[in-house]
Protein backbone atom coordinates (compact mmCIF):
# COMPACT_ATOMS: atom_id res chain seq x y z
CA MET A 1 -28.08 3.95 -4.76
CA ALA A 2 -26.11 4.79 -7.95
CA GLU A 3 -22.96 2.77 -8.67
CA MET A 4 -19.77 4.62 -7.76
CA GLY A 5 -17.17 5.14 -10.46
CA PRO A 6 -13.41 4.59 -10.12
CA PHE A 7 -12.81 8.29 -9.33
CA GLN A 8 -15.27 8.26 -6.41
CA TYR A 9 -13.63 5.08 -5.13
CA PHE A 10 -10.24 6.85 -5.45
CA ILE A 11 -11.34 9.84 -3.30
CA CYS A 12 -13.03 7.69 -0.62
CA GLY A 13 -10.06 5.33 -0.46
CA GLY A 14 -7.59 8.19 -0.05
CA PHE A 15 -9.49 9.71 2.88
CA GLY A 16 -9.84 6.28 4.48
CA GLY A 17 -6.09 5.75 4.10
CA ILE A 18 -5.26 8.97 5.94
CA CYS A 19 -7.57 8.00 8.83
CA THR A 20 -6.03 4.53 8.98
CA VAL A 21 -2.49 5.88 9.37
CA VAL A 22 -3.35 8.48 12.02
CA VAL A 23 -5.13 5.90 14.17
CA GLY A 24 -2.95 2.86 13.55
CA HIS A 25 0.62 4.18 13.36
CA PRO A 26 1.32 4.28 17.14
CA LEU A 27 0.44 0.58 17.41
CA ASP A 28 2.56 -0.20 14.37
CA THR A 29 5.52 1.64 15.90
CA ILE A 30 5.19 -0.37 19.13
CA LYS A 31 4.87 -3.63 17.17
CA VAL A 32 8.02 -2.95 15.15
CA ARG A 33 10.00 -1.90 18.24
CA LEU A 34 9.00 -5.05 20.10
CA GLN A 35 9.85 -7.22 17.08
CA THR A 36 13.27 -5.64 16.60
CA MET A 37 14.46 -5.04 20.17
CA PRO A 38 17.83 -6.64 20.93
CA VAL A 39 17.84 -10.05 22.56
CA PRO A 40 18.96 -9.56 26.19
CA LYS A 41 22.13 -11.25 27.39
CA PRO A 42 21.83 -13.75 30.25
CA GLY A 43 20.88 -11.90 33.43
CA GLU A 44 19.98 -8.74 31.51
CA LYS A 45 16.48 -7.27 31.43
CA PRO A 46 14.87 -6.91 28.01
CA LEU A 47 14.55 -3.40 26.58
CA TYR A 48 10.74 -3.69 26.91
CA SER A 49 8.77 -6.11 29.07
CA GLY A 50 5.72 -5.97 26.80
CA THR A 51 3.40 -3.79 24.76
CA LEU A 52 2.36 -1.47 27.60
CA ASP A 53 5.95 -1.04 28.77
CA CYS A 54 7.06 -0.19 25.22
CA PHE A 55 4.23 2.35 24.98
CA LYS A 56 5.14 3.99 28.32
CA THR A 57 8.89 3.96 27.63
CA THR A 58 8.44 5.53 24.20
CA ILE A 59 6.28 8.34 25.61
CA ARG A 60 8.64 8.88 28.58
CA ASN A 61 11.79 9.03 26.41
CA GLU A 62 10.46 10.63 23.22
CA GLY A 63 7.06 12.09 24.03
CA VAL A 64 3.86 11.31 22.13
CA ARG A 65 5.65 12.25 18.90
CA GLY A 66 7.80 9.14 19.35
CA LEU A 67 4.74 6.99 18.65
CA TYR A 68 4.38 8.76 15.30
CA LYS A 69 8.03 8.45 14.30
CA GLY A 70 8.30 7.49 10.66
CA MET A 71 4.65 8.36 9.95
CA GLY A 72 5.51 10.61 6.98
CA ALA A 73 6.31 7.69 4.69
CA PRO A 74 3.10 5.73 5.30
CA LEU A 75 1.00 8.90 5.24
CA VAL A 76 2.40 9.78 1.82
CA GLY A 77 2.15 6.15 0.77
CA VAL A 78 -1.01 4.82 2.42
CA ALA A 79 -3.44 7.51 1.22
CA PRO A 80 -2.47 6.81 -2.41
CA ILE A 81 -2.42 3.07 -1.70
CA PHE A 82 -5.99 3.09 -0.44
CA ALA A 83 -7.02 5.48 -3.20
CA ILE A 84 -5.41 3.31 -5.87
CA SER A 85 -6.70 0.14 -4.25
CA PHE A 86 -10.29 1.35 -4.24
CA MET A 87 -9.91 2.76 -7.77
CA GLY A 88 -8.47 -0.60 -8.91
CA TYR A 89 -11.43 -2.25 -7.23
CA GLY A 90 -13.84 0.00 -9.14
CA LEU A 91 -12.03 -0.81 -12.40
CA GLY A 92 -12.03 -4.50 -11.49
CA LYS A 93 -15.78 -4.40 -10.93
CA GLN A 94 -16.24 -2.78 -14.33
CA MET A 95 -13.92 -5.24 -16.09
CA PHE A 96 -14.87 -8.49 -14.37
CA GLY A 97 -18.37 -7.75 -13.02
CA PRO A 98 -21.63 -9.12 -14.39
CA GLY A 99 -22.53 -5.94 -16.27
CA ALA A 100 -24.85 -2.99 -15.79
CA GLY A 101 -27.98 -3.61 -13.77
CA LYS A 102 -27.00 -7.15 -12.70
CA GLN A 103 -26.30 -8.35 -9.17
CA TYR A 104 -22.64 -8.86 -8.21
CA SER A 105 -21.68 -12.19 -6.69
CA TYR A 106 -19.07 -12.59 -3.97
CA LEU A 107 -16.81 -14.12 -6.63
CA ASP A 108 -17.10 -10.85 -8.62
CA TYR A 109 -16.09 -8.91 -5.51
CA PHE A 110 -13.27 -11.39 -4.87
CA VAL A 111 -11.81 -10.97 -8.38
CA ALA A 112 -12.14 -7.16 -8.25
CA GLY A 113 -10.40 -7.12 -4.84
CA ALA A 114 -7.54 -9.30 -6.07
CA PHE A 115 -7.18 -7.10 -9.16
CA SER A 116 -6.90 -3.97 -7.00
CA GLY A 117 -4.01 -5.49 -5.04
CA ILE A 118 -1.72 -5.44 -8.04
CA PHE A 119 -1.96 -1.65 -8.29
CA THR A 120 -1.20 -0.96 -4.63
CA THR A 121 2.16 -2.70 -4.42
CA VAL A 122 3.82 -0.18 -6.73
CA VAL A 123 3.02 2.61 -4.26
CA MET A 124 3.15 0.63 -1.03
CA ALA A 125 6.45 -1.22 -1.13
CA PRO A 126 8.82 1.80 -0.86
CA GLY A 127 6.78 3.43 1.92
CA GLU A 128 6.66 0.17 3.87
CA ARG A 129 10.43 -0.30 3.62
CA ILE A 130 11.18 3.30 4.64
CA LYS A 131 8.67 3.14 7.52
CA CYS A 132 10.25 0.00 8.99
CA LEU A 133 13.79 1.37 8.70
CA LEU A 134 12.75 4.56 10.53
CA GLN A 135 10.82 2.70 13.22
CA ILE A 136 13.68 0.40 14.19
CA GLN A 137 15.95 3.42 14.52
CA GLN A 138 15.20 3.99 18.19
CA GLY A 139 15.65 7.22 20.11
CA SER A 140 18.86 6.41 22.00
CA ALA A 141 19.91 2.97 20.75
CA GLY A 142 22.88 3.32 18.42
CA PRO A 143 23.75 5.94 15.82
CA LYS A 144 21.00 7.58 13.80
CA LEU A 145 21.24 6.45 10.18
CA TYR A 146 18.33 8.36 8.68
CA ASN A 147 16.97 11.87 9.29
CA GLY A 148 13.41 11.22 8.14
CA PRO A 149 11.68 9.58 5.17
CA VAL A 150 13.27 11.70 2.41
CA ASP A 151 16.78 11.15 3.76
CA CYS A 152 16.07 7.43 4.07
CA ALA A 153 14.84 7.24 0.46
CA LYS A 154 17.91 9.14 -0.80
CA LYS A 155 20.31 6.88 1.08
CA LEU A 156 18.54 3.72 -0.11
CA TYR A 157 18.68 4.99 -3.69
CA LYS A 158 22.38 5.84 -3.35
CA GLU A 159 23.01 2.39 -1.84
CA GLY A 160 21.41 0.34 -4.61
CA GLY A 161 19.23 2.42 -6.91
CA ILE A 162 15.51 1.87 -7.37
CA ARG A 163 15.97 -1.85 -6.61
CA SER A 164 17.05 -0.99 -3.06
CA ILE A 165 13.90 1.11 -2.51
CA TYR A 166 11.68 -1.68 -3.87
CA ARG A 167 13.47 -4.54 -2.06
CA GLY A 168 10.85 -6.98 -0.73
CA SER A 169 8.09 -5.94 -3.16
CA GLY A 170 7.30 -9.49 -4.23
CA ALA A 171 6.76 -10.56 -0.63
CA THR A 172 4.67 -7.44 -0.03
CA LEU A 173 2.42 -8.32 -2.97
CA LEU A 174 1.96 -11.89 -1.79
CA ARG A 175 1.65 -10.95 1.88
CA GLY A 176 -1.69 -9.33 1.59
CA ARG A 177 -2.30 -7.08 -1.37
CA LEU A 178 -3.02 -9.82 -3.86
CA THR A 179 -4.55 -12.20 -1.33
CA LYS A 180 -6.33 -11.57 1.91
CA LEU A 181 -6.32 -7.84 2.65
CA ASN A 182 -7.91 -6.30 -0.42
CA ILE A 183 -10.26 -9.17 -0.98
CA ILE A 184 -11.55 -9.42 2.59
CA VAL A 185 -11.80 -5.65 3.15
CA LEU A 186 -13.61 -5.01 -0.10
CA ILE A 187 -16.01 -7.97 0.23
CA CYS A 188 -16.87 -6.86 3.79
CA HIS A 189 -17.33 -3.30 2.55
CA MET A 190 -19.71 -4.37 -0.20
CA HIS A 191 -21.63 -6.69 2.14
CA THR A 192 -22.07 -3.80 4.60
CA VAL A 193 -23.28 -1.52 1.79
CA GLU A 194 -25.75 -4.18 0.65
CA ILE A 195 -27.30 -4.76 4.08
CA SER A 196 -27.44 -1.06 4.93
CA SER A 197 -29.01 0.05 1.63
CA PRO A 198 -32.75 0.65 1.66
CA LEU A 199 -34.77 -1.88 -0.32
């Protein structure tokens, strides 16, 4: 099988990113709502009794669309993130790999995966911040601060400029892009390609 170039990695990563958001966003919405629900007062029932209750309550109050609330920001952000991540990985393999015709080691994959994580944070951090702010804004709990991802981005920018939109970027980089996520995903991907390729 011929070695893929950075552009092919970019296209494949972008499509994979879109699929990831469509499948995973409902679970992410439930996770954020459970994490941010108000602490009940003594004798009061919690807003949600668990994951299944949160799922049912969201669908009952907001319909299936409620599970996809705030999806615009990650959809716009995640497809480029995956595309840039895989492209960065392809560049990393070219820059730090053993050279044409030689076998890559897991250390080569590790370094290429870590290198790709640096690129993704620039795209990912604003989308992640906007997504979380929209998710915690629940259907009937309190006043609505944001009317979608664009409105949220505008208000954040007005509040504190570009720094407000990128707040938390350092933690985002350390959380997974430079460490576990890119490295593990890309090493597993390459291992799967290796074992599935014909000899």
